[in-house]
């Protein structure tokens, strides 16, 4: 695609994706290499953040934008420690390094959604542009722009693209896996038929209770709903241990509304004309991405199935009607997701320091990976027993020093 262009490849920095020409935004949006969390509109929606300052390294050839690497810098540990390099990587690989020693810290690739494609390219397989951007960010690290550089929650494709271009093969550690429901057949009946009989019966009972108690689902967009959704979202987040305020949740939703409110899928659960819950999804390619669920617990009947309807059954019906062939749910709440037909998709993280990794760093990473897999399977032993005696969801990871192709081929999630 780039043959015949006499301009050399150059790297520059921009403070917002809005500074890129519309044609570049379209090329990046249309790229099959990017997940929803690497799409320009999503990246725009998360630029403004309390903990991270956003910027982008851009690989250009003449007027053409070939690739973009999102970069986020934090001067102190973030509100969400899932994106703290010490909590996710370094404490297991270099335990003698303190948390504050890693800051200012730089994250590369998407820093939200627990899915990171690494470099976002306008054309899949543009290894030259990927290599140029990764060489540039590693030079920034060595020059003292940050004290650590982390690629968090790399997808299999992101890992295979990023790892070969990084110096000294940094040690990898496993991260919480994504969950994906592949939709068989043509409609919701086919989805049910693919599940074990006891699970089918439970879903039918939940749907019947939902309808009997007078709940209904309305489909719309996010536009105009941030103020009403925010208290419901804060309530659910609070039950999961988050201290996020209603105002913080309102700003979170407003940022998405400004960037893509018209393209969001908002499912509103109402009863007697009053809002009692919502869920938010985004359609990208042939996939539907689940973001959040909010509930007014004071207005919910016990065993009404409102949460599961908003999170699973209504969006799955929507996907069958509109065309997406899978629904992505992210990490967490694994038993609920896996028992509703999800499979696991692995994620990895790595942190680079200004100095090269040591051999014992790799050994510690390998030992941690083995412990992580054993602990993960042990914690979900009840689920394994429920899923017809399957006792392993994960293969043991290979040594982190192996190449990306070997790593991606050997670590795999097991479906149910």
Protein backbone atom coordinates (compact mmCIF):
# COMPACT_ATOMS: atom_id res chain seq x y z
CA UNK A 1 0.00 0.00 0.00
CA UNK A 2 2.94 2.33 0.72
CA UNK A 3 5.09 1.48 -2.29
CA UNK A 4 5.92 4.40 -4.55
CA UNK A 5 5.59 7.03 -1.81
CA UNK A 6 8.77 9.12 -1.89
CA UNK A 7 8.25 10.57 1.58
CA UNK A 8 10.11 8.98 4.48
CA UNK A 9 8.34 7.76 7.59
CA UNK A 10 8.37 10.27 10.45
CA UNK A 11 7.08 10.26 14.03
CA UNK A 12 5.40 13.22 15.71
CA UNK A 13 3.30 13.82 18.83
CA UNK A 14 -0.23 15.25 19.03
CA UNK A 15 -2.19 16.07 22.15
CA UNK A 16 -5.57 14.89 20.88
CA UNK A 17 -6.87 12.72 18.09
CA UNK A 18 -9.04 15.66 17.10
CA UNK A 19 -5.86 17.20 15.63
CA UNK A 20 -5.66 14.43 13.00
CA UNK A 21 -7.28 15.01 9.60
CA UNK A 22 -10.73 13.42 9.11
CA UNK A 23 -9.33 11.05 6.46
CA UNK A 24 -6.85 9.63 9.00
CA UNK A 25 -9.58 9.19 11.59
CA UNK A 26 -11.66 7.30 9.04
CA UNK A 27 -8.75 5.03 8.08
CA UNK A 28 -8.09 4.20 11.73
CA UNK A 29 -11.79 3.67 12.40
CA UNK A 30 -12.11 1.33 9.42
CA UNK A 31 -9.01 -0.70 10.29
CA UNK A 32 -9.78 -4.34 11.01
CA UNK A 33 -6.71 -4.39 13.27
CA UNK A 34 -8.38 -2.36 16.02
CA UNK A 35 -10.87 -3.48 18.63
CA UNK A 36 -13.51 -1.07 19.82
CA UNK A 37 -11.10 0.10 22.54
CA UNK A 38 -8.58 1.07 19.87
CA UNK A 39 -11.13 2.95 17.78
CA UNK A 40 -10.71 6.74 17.41
CA UNK A 41 -14.08 7.63 18.92
CA UNK A 42 -13.47 5.56 22.04
CA UNK A 43 -9.95 6.94 22.45
CA UNK A 44 -11.36 10.46 22.13
CA UNK A 45 -13.93 9.71 24.84
CA UNK A 46 -11.25 8.74 27.39
CA UNK A 47 -8.72 11.50 26.68
CA UNK A 48 -9.85 13.62 29.62
CA UNK A 49 -8.99 11.75 32.82
CA UNK A 50 -8.20 12.64 36.42
CA UNK A 51 -5.12 10.39 36.61
CA UNK A 52 -3.65 10.27 33.09
CA UNK A 53 -2.55 12.90 30.59
CA UNK A 54 -3.17 11.68 27.04
CA UNK A 55 -1.11 12.20 23.91
CA UNK A 56 -0.41 10.20 20.76
CA UNK A 57 2.67 9.23 18.81
CA UNK A 58 1.78 9.38 15.12
CA UNK A 59 3.66 7.71 12.27
CA UNK A 60 3.26 9.77 9.10
CA UNK A 61 4.43 9.35 5.55
CA UNK A 62 3.92 12.67 3.85
CA UNK A 63 0.32 13.64 4.55
CA UNK A 64 -0.74 10.05 5.25
CA UNK A 65 -1.17 8.82 8.83
CA UNK A 66 -0.05 5.20 8.91
CA UNK A 67 -0.29 4.39 12.62
CA UNK A 68 -1.01 5.85 16.05
CA UNK A 69 0.21 4.78 19.50
CA UNK A 70 -1.86 6.20 22.39
CA UNK A 71 0.33 7.27 25.33
CA UNK A 72 -0.88 8.12 28.82
CA UNK A 73 1.31 9.55 31.58
CA UNK A 74 0.50 9.43 35.30
CA UNK A 75 2.58 11.24 37.92
CA UNK A 76 1.19 9.11 40.77
CA UNK A 77 -0.60 5.74 41.14
CA UNK A 78 -4.02 5.95 39.44
CA UNK A 79 -7.46 5.69 41.00
CA UNK A 80 -7.89 2.29 39.30
CA UNK A 81 -4.96 0.08 40.30
CA UNK A 82 -5.73 -2.23 37.39
CA UNK A 83 -3.64 0.25 35.39
CA UNK A 84 -0.90 0.68 37.99
CA UNK A 85 2.32 -0.92 36.66
CA UNK A 86 3.46 -1.88 40.14
CA UNK A 87 0.20 -3.65 41.06
CA UNK A 88 -0.13 -5.49 37.75
CA UNK A 89 3.46 -6.31 36.77
CA UNK A 90 6.46 -5.02 38.68
CA UNK A 91 5.64 -6.28 42.18
CA UNK A 92 5.79 -9.81 40.74
CA UNK A 93 8.86 -9.32 38.54
CA UNK A 94 11.03 -6.81 40.45
CA UNK A 95 9.74 -6.88 44.05
CA UNK A 96 12.60 -4.72 45.32
CA UNK A 97 11.27 -1.75 43.31
CA UNK A 98 8.76 0.41 45.16
CA UNK A 99 5.49 1.58 43.65
CA UNK A 100 6.49 5.26 43.61
CA UNK A 101 9.77 4.38 41.90
CA UNK A 102 7.81 3.71 38.69
CA UNK A 103 6.36 7.24 38.46
CA UNK A 104 5.98 9.22 36.34
CA UNK A 105 4.66 6.16 34.54
CA UNK A 106 3.70 5.87 30.89
CA UNK A 107 1.05 3.50 29.53
CA UNK A 108 1.11 2.61 25.84
CA UNK A 109 -1.96 1.56 23.91
CA UNK A 110 -5.52 1.70 25.20
CA UNK A 111 -5.73 2.35 28.95
CA UNK A 112 -9.38 1.38 29.36
CA UNK A 113 -11.62 -1.59 28.62
CA UNK A 114 -8.93 -4.10 29.65
CA UNK A 115 -8.17 -4.61 25.97
CA UNK A 116 -5.05 -3.25 24.30
CA UNK A 117 -4.26 -3.63 20.60
CA UNK A 118 -0.94 -1.81 21.04
CA UNK A 119 -0.31 0.31 17.97
CA UNK A 120 -3.43 1.21 15.95
CA UNK A 121 -2.63 1.03 12.25
CA UNK A 122 -4.52 2.29 9.23
CA UNK A 123 -3.63 -0.93 7.41
CA UNK A 124 -3.33 -4.32 9.13
CA UNK A 125 0.21 -5.69 9.25
CA UNK A 126 2.03 -2.36 8.86
CA UNK A 127 5.10 -3.64 10.71
CA UNK A 128 7.28 -0.73 9.63
CA UNK A 129 5.03 1.88 11.22
CA UNK A 130 4.59 -0.26 14.35
CA UNK A 131 8.36 -0.62 14.72
CA UNK A 132 8.92 3.13 14.27
CA UNK A 133 6.42 4.06 16.98
CA UNK A 134 7.69 1.45 19.44
CA UNK A 135 11.32 2.51 18.87
CA UNK A 136 10.29 6.11 19.52
CA UNK A 137 8.47 5.39 22.79
CA UNK A 138 11.35 3.23 24.07
CA UNK A 139 13.74 6.09 23.28
CA UNK A 140 11.48 8.39 25.32
CA UNK A 141 11.78 5.98 28.26
CA UNK A 142 15.58 5.83 28.04
CA UNK A 143 15.72 9.64 27.77
CA UNK A 144 13.95 9.97 31.12
CA UNK A 145 10.48 11.04 30.02
CA UNK A 146 9.10 8.38 32.34
CA UNK A 147 10.45 5.83 34.80
CA UNK A 148 8.40 2.94 33.43
CA UNK A 149 6.55 2.02 30.25
CA UNK A 150 3.67 -0.47 30.48
CA UNK A 151 1.63 -2.31 27.87
CA UNK A 152 -1.38 -3.48 29.89
CA UNK A 153 -3.96 -6.08 28.82
CA UNK A 154 -2.48 -6.87 25.43
CA UNK A 155 -4.74 -8.96 23.20
CA UNK A 156 -3.29 -11.98 21.35
CA UNK A 157 -2.98 -9.82 18.20
CA UNK A 158 -1.57 -6.90 20.17
CA UNK A 159 1.01 -9.14 21.82
CA UNK A 160 2.07 -10.65 18.51
CA UNK A 161 2.47 -7.15 17.03
CA UNK A 162 4.21 -5.43 19.95
CA UNK A 163 6.50 -8.01 21.53
CA UNK A 164 8.86 -8.65 18.57
CA UNK A 165 9.50 -4.90 18.21
CA UNK A 166 10.33 -4.28 21.88
CA UNK A 167 13.96 -4.46 23.02
CA UNK A 168 15.20 -7.30 25.20
CA UNK A 169 11.92 -9.28 25.27
CA UNK A 170 10.43 -7.84 28.50
CA UNK A 171 8.96 -10.39 30.94
CA UNK A 172 5.26 -11.02 30.44
CA UNK A 173 2.70 -11.67 33.15
CA UNK A 174 -0.87 -12.88 32.63
CA UNK A 175 -3.72 -10.43 33.15
CA UNK A 176 -7.39 -11.06 33.82
CA UNK A 177 -8.90 -12.59 30.65
CA UNK A 178 -11.67 -11.17 28.53
CA UNK A 179 -14.99 -13.02 28.18
CA UNK A 180 -16.72 -13.48 24.82
CA UNK A 181 -20.05 -15.04 23.89
CA UNK A 182 -20.08 -16.35 20.31
CA UNK A 183 -23.61 -16.41 18.93
CA UNK A 184 -24.53 -19.66 17.17
CA UNK A 185 -27.26 -19.98 14.58
CA UNK A 186 -29.78 -17.31 13.69
CA UNK A 187 -31.74 -16.31 16.78
CA UNK A 188 -32.05 -16.46 20.57
CA UNK A 189 -33.47 -19.97 20.38
CA UNK A 190 -30.17 -21.15 18.89
CA UNK A 191 -28.27 -19.43 21.70
CA UNK A 192 -30.38 -21.26 24.28
CA UNK A 193 -30.01 -24.58 22.47
CA UNK A 194 -26.22 -24.36 22.77
CA UNK A 195 -26.40 -24.20 26.58
CA UNK A 196 -26.80 -27.11 29.01
CA UNK A 197 -30.44 -27.94 29.78
CA UNK A 198 -30.35 -26.69 33.37
CA UNK A 199 -28.99 -23.35 32.21
CA UNK A 200 -31.70 -23.08 29.53
CA UNK A 201 -34.40 -23.67 32.13
CA UNK A 202 -32.97 -20.99 34.43
CA UNK A 203 -32.86 -18.39 31.65
CA UNK A 204 -36.46 -19.17 30.66
CA UNK A 205 -37.54 -18.75 34.31
CA UNK A 206 -35.69 -15.43 34.58
CA UNK A 207 -37.32 -14.14 31.40
CA UNK A 208 -40.78 -15.18 32.61
CA UNK A 209 -40.29 -13.45 35.99
CA UNK A 210 -39.06 -10.30 34.29
CA UNK A 211 -42.17 -10.10 32.09
CA UNK A 212 -44.63 -11.12 34.84
CA UNK A 213 -43.45 -8.34 37.16
CA UNK A 214 -44.09 -5.72 34.48
CA UNK A 215 -40.52 -4.83 33.50
CA UNK A 216 -39.82 -3.76 29.93
CA UNK A 217 -36.66 -2.98 27.95
CA UNK A 218 -36.50 0.09 25.71
CA UNK A 219 -33.70 0.54 23.17
CA UNK A 220 -32.13 3.91 22.43
CA UNK A 221 -28.87 5.86 22.51
CA UNK A 222 -26.89 7.46 25.32
CA UNK A 223 -27.67 10.98 24.11
CA UNK A 224 -29.48 12.95 26.80
CA UNK A 225 -29.43 10.22 29.46
CA UNK A 226 -26.16 10.80 31.36
CA UNK A 227 -27.81 12.61 34.29
CA UNK A 228 -30.40 9.87 34.85
CA UNK A 229 -27.98 6.99 34.33
CA UNK A 230 -25.20 8.31 36.60
CA UNK A 231 -26.82 7.53 40.02
CA UNK A 232 -27.71 4.02 38.87
CA UNK A 233 -24.18 3.38 37.66
CA UNK A 234 -22.63 4.73 40.88
CA UNK A 235 -24.91 2.43 42.89
CA UNK A 236 -23.72 -0.69 41.05
CA UNK A 237 -20.07 0.41 41.18
CA UNK A 238 -20.42 0.97 44.92
CA UNK A 239 -21.65 -2.58 45.44
CA UNK A 240 -18.48 -3.77 43.73
CA UNK A 241 -16.24 -1.81 46.09
CA UNK A 242 -15.74 1.35 44.01
CA UNK A 243 -15.88 4.79 45.61
CA UNK A 244 -16.83 6.52 42.36
CA UNK A 245 -19.24 9.39 42.99
CA UNK A 246 -22.39 10.15 41.04
CA UNK A 247 -20.63 13.22 39.62
CA UNK A 248 -17.64 11.16 38.48
CA UNK A 249 -20.00 8.70 36.77
CA UNK A 250 -21.88 11.58 35.16
CA UNK A 251 -18.65 12.97 33.71
CA UNK A 252 -17.70 9.47 32.53
CA UNK A 253 -21.00 9.10 30.68
CA UNK A 254 -20.96 12.65 29.32
CA UNK A 255 -17.51 12.09 27.80
CA UNK A 256 -18.89 9.09 25.90
CA UNK A 257 -22.02 11.03 24.97
CA UNK A 258 -19.95 13.84 23.49
CA UNK A 259 -17.72 11.49 21.51
CA UNK A 260 -20.28 8.92 20.36
CA UNK A 261 -23.59 9.30 22.19
CA UNK A 262 -25.57 8.74 19.02
CA UNK A 263 -23.80 5.45 18.27
CA UNK A 264 -24.06 3.97 21.77
CA UNK A 265 -26.70 1.34 22.43
CA UNK A 266 -28.48 2.19 25.68
CA UNK A 267 -30.92 -0.39 27.00
CA UNK A 268 -33.34 1.13 29.50
CA UNK A 269 -35.33 -1.04 31.87
CA UNK A 270 -38.59 0.62 32.91
CA UNK A 271 -41.48 -0.36 35.14
CA UNK A 272 -44.66 1.68 35.36
CA UNK A 273 -42.94 4.33 33.28
CA UNK A 274 -40.01 4.76 35.69
CA UNK A 275 -36.37 3.98 34.95
CA UNK A 276 -35.03 1.17 37.16
CA UNK A 277 -31.90 0.14 35.26
CA UNK A 278 -29.83 0.52 32.13
CA UNK A 279 -26.96 -1.07 30.26
CA UNK A 280 -24.59 0.42 27.72
CA UNK A 281 -23.16 -1.39 24.69
CA UNK A 282 -21.25 -0.40 21.57
CA UNK A 283 -21.37 -2.08 18.18
CA UNK A 284 -18.01 -2.37 16.43
CA UNK A 285 -17.48 -4.49 13.34
CA UNK A 286 -19.28 -7.77 13.93
CA UNK A 287 -19.04 -7.49 17.72
CA UNK A 288 -21.07 -5.91 20.51
CA UNK A 289 -19.06 -4.57 23.47
CA UNK A 290 -20.66 -4.44 26.89
CA UNK A 291 -19.58 -1.44 28.98
CA UNK A 292 -21.65 -0.91 32.14
CA UNK A 293 -24.88 -1.74 33.93
CA UNK A 294 -26.66 0.61 36.33
CA UNK A 295 -29.54 -0.26 38.66
CA UNK A 296 -31.91 1.42 41.09
CA UNK A 297 -31.85 -1.36 43.67
CA UNK A 298 -34.66 0.21 45.69
CA UNK A 299 -37.10 -0.40 42.81
CA UNK A 300 -36.09 -3.97 41.95
CA UNK A 301 -38.06 -7.06 42.90
CA UNK A 302 -36.02 -9.99 44.11
CA UNK A 303 -35.33 -12.67 41.47
CA UNK A 304 -36.74 -10.46 38.71
CA UNK A 305 -33.77 -11.09 36.41
CA UNK A 306 -33.33 -7.38 35.63
CA UNK A 307 -29.54 -7.43 35.76
CA UNK A 308 -29.21 -10.53 33.59
CA UNK A 309 -31.78 -9.24 31.12
CA UNK A 310 -29.93 -5.93 30.69
CA UNK A 311 -26.48 -7.49 30.64
CA UNK A 312 -27.10 -10.64 28.61
CA UNK A 313 -30.47 -11.58 27.20
CA UNK A 314 -31.67 -8.27 25.72
CA UNK A 315 -28.32 -7.36 24.07
CA UNK A 316 -27.95 -10.92 22.74
CA UNK A 317 -31.41 -10.65 21.16
CA UNK A 318 -30.39 -7.27 19.74
CA UNK A 319 -27.20 -8.76 18.26
CA UNK A 320 -29.17 -11.52 16.53
CA UNK A 321 -31.53 -8.93 15.07
CA UNK A 322 -28.83 -6.48 13.96
CA UNK A 323 -25.97 -8.71 12.86
CA UNK A 324 -23.11 -8.83 15.43
CA UNK A 325 -21.90 -12.39 15.86
CA UNK A 326 -20.34 -12.11 19.29
CA UNK A 327 -20.71 -10.11 22.49
CA UNK A 328 -17.70 -9.08 24.59
CA UNK A 329 -18.07 -8.60 28.32
CA UNK A 330 -14.58 -7.92 29.66
CA UNK A 331 -13.07 -9.41 32.82
CA UNK A 332 -14.71 -10.13 36.17
CA UNK A 333 -17.87 -11.96 37.31
CA UNK A 334 -16.52 -15.00 35.51
CA UNK A 335 -18.94 -17.65 36.69
CA UNK A 336 -22.00 -15.64 35.65
CA UNK A 337 -20.51 -15.03 32.21
CA UNK A 338 -19.10 -18.50 31.60
CA UNK A 339 -22.29 -20.20 32.69
CA UNK A 340 -24.11 -18.12 30.08
CA UNK A 341 -21.94 -19.44 27.29
CA UNK A 342 -18.84 -17.23 27.36
CA UNK A 343 -15.35 -18.35 26.49
CA UNK A 344 -12.11 -16.86 27.74
CA UNK A 345 -9.69 -14.80 25.68
CA UNK A 346 -6.27 -14.21 27.27
CA UNK A 347 -4.60 -10.91 28.08
CA UNK A 348 -0.98 -10.12 29.01
CA UNK A 349 0.90 -7.17 30.48
CA UNK A 350 4.55 -6.13 30.51
CA UNK A 351 6.50 -3.21 31.96
CA UNK A 352 9.76 -1.86 30.57
CA UNK A 353 12.26 0.04 32.73
CA UNK A 354 15.07 2.27 31.47
CA UNK A 355 17.54 -0.59 32.05
CA UNK A 356 17.22 -4.01 30.32
CA UNK A 357 15.45 -6.83 32.17
CA UNK A 358 17.56 -9.32 34.13
CA UNK A 359 17.42 -13.08 33.78
CA UNK A 360 15.95 -13.49 37.25
CA UNK A 361 13.16 -11.05 36.22
CA UNK A 362 12.12 -13.55 33.59
CA UNK A 363 12.32 -16.43 36.06
CA UNK A 364 10.11 -14.55 38.55
CA UNK A 365 7.61 -13.73 35.80
CA UNK A 366 7.44 -17.39 34.79
CA UNK A 367 6.92 -18.54 38.39
CA UNK A 368 4.23 -15.90 38.91
CA UNK A 369 2.46 -16.99 35.73
CA UNK A 370 2.36 -20.59 36.96
CA UNK A 371 1.00 -19.52 40.36
CA UNK A 372 -1.53 -17.22 38.70
CA UNK A 373 -2.92 -20.00 36.51
CA UNK A 374 -3.13 -22.45 39.41
CA UNK A 375 -4.84 -19.88 41.63
CA UNK A 376 -7.24 -18.81 38.89
CA UNK A 377 -8.36 -22.39 38.29
CA UNK A 378 -8.61 -23.10 42.01
CA UNK A 379 -10.84 -20.08 42.63
CA UNK A 380 -13.21 -21.28 39.93
CA UNK A 381 -13.26 -24.93 40.94
CA UNK A 382 -16.99 -24.73 41.67
CA UNK A 383 -17.66 -23.56 38.17
CA UNK A 384 -15.49 -26.29 36.68
CA UNK A 385 -17.49 -28.89 38.50
CA UNK A 386 -20.73 -27.32 37.29
CA UNK A 387 -19.48 -27.33 33.73
CA UNK A 388 -19.55 -31.11 33.35
CA UNK A 389 -16.31 -31.80 35.21
CA UNK A 390 -13.94 -29.61 33.22
CA UNK A 391 -11.01 -28.94 35.52
CA UNK A 392 -8.82 -26.57 33.50
CA UNK A 393 -9.62 -23.28 31.81
CA UNK A 394 -6.07 -22.29 31.06
CA UNK A 395 -3.03 -24.00 29.66
CA UNK A 396 0.17 -23.34 31.60
CA UNK A 397 1.86 -20.31 30.05
CA UNK A 398 5.24 -20.72 28.37
CA UNK A 399 8.37 -19.00 29.63
CA UNK A 400 7.98 -15.25 29.04
CA UNK A 401 11.29 -15.18 27.13
CA UNK A 402 9.70 -17.07 24.25
CA UNK A 403 8.71 -15.23 21.07
CA UNK A 404 5.34 -13.64 20.60
CA UNK A 405 4.18 -16.19 18.07
CA UNK A 406 4.94 -19.03 20.46
CA UNK A 407 3.30 -17.23 23.36
CA UNK A 408 0.14 -16.40 21.45
CA UNK A 409 -0.10 -19.95 20.16
CA UNK A 410 0.42 -21.65 23.51
CA UNK A 411 -1.69 -19.64 25.94
CA UNK A 412 -5.36 -20.08 25.11
CA UNK A 413 -8.65 -19.71 26.93
CA UNK A 414 -10.84 -22.75 27.21
CA UNK A 415 -14.52 -22.33 26.40
CA UNK A 416 -17.37 -24.00 28.18
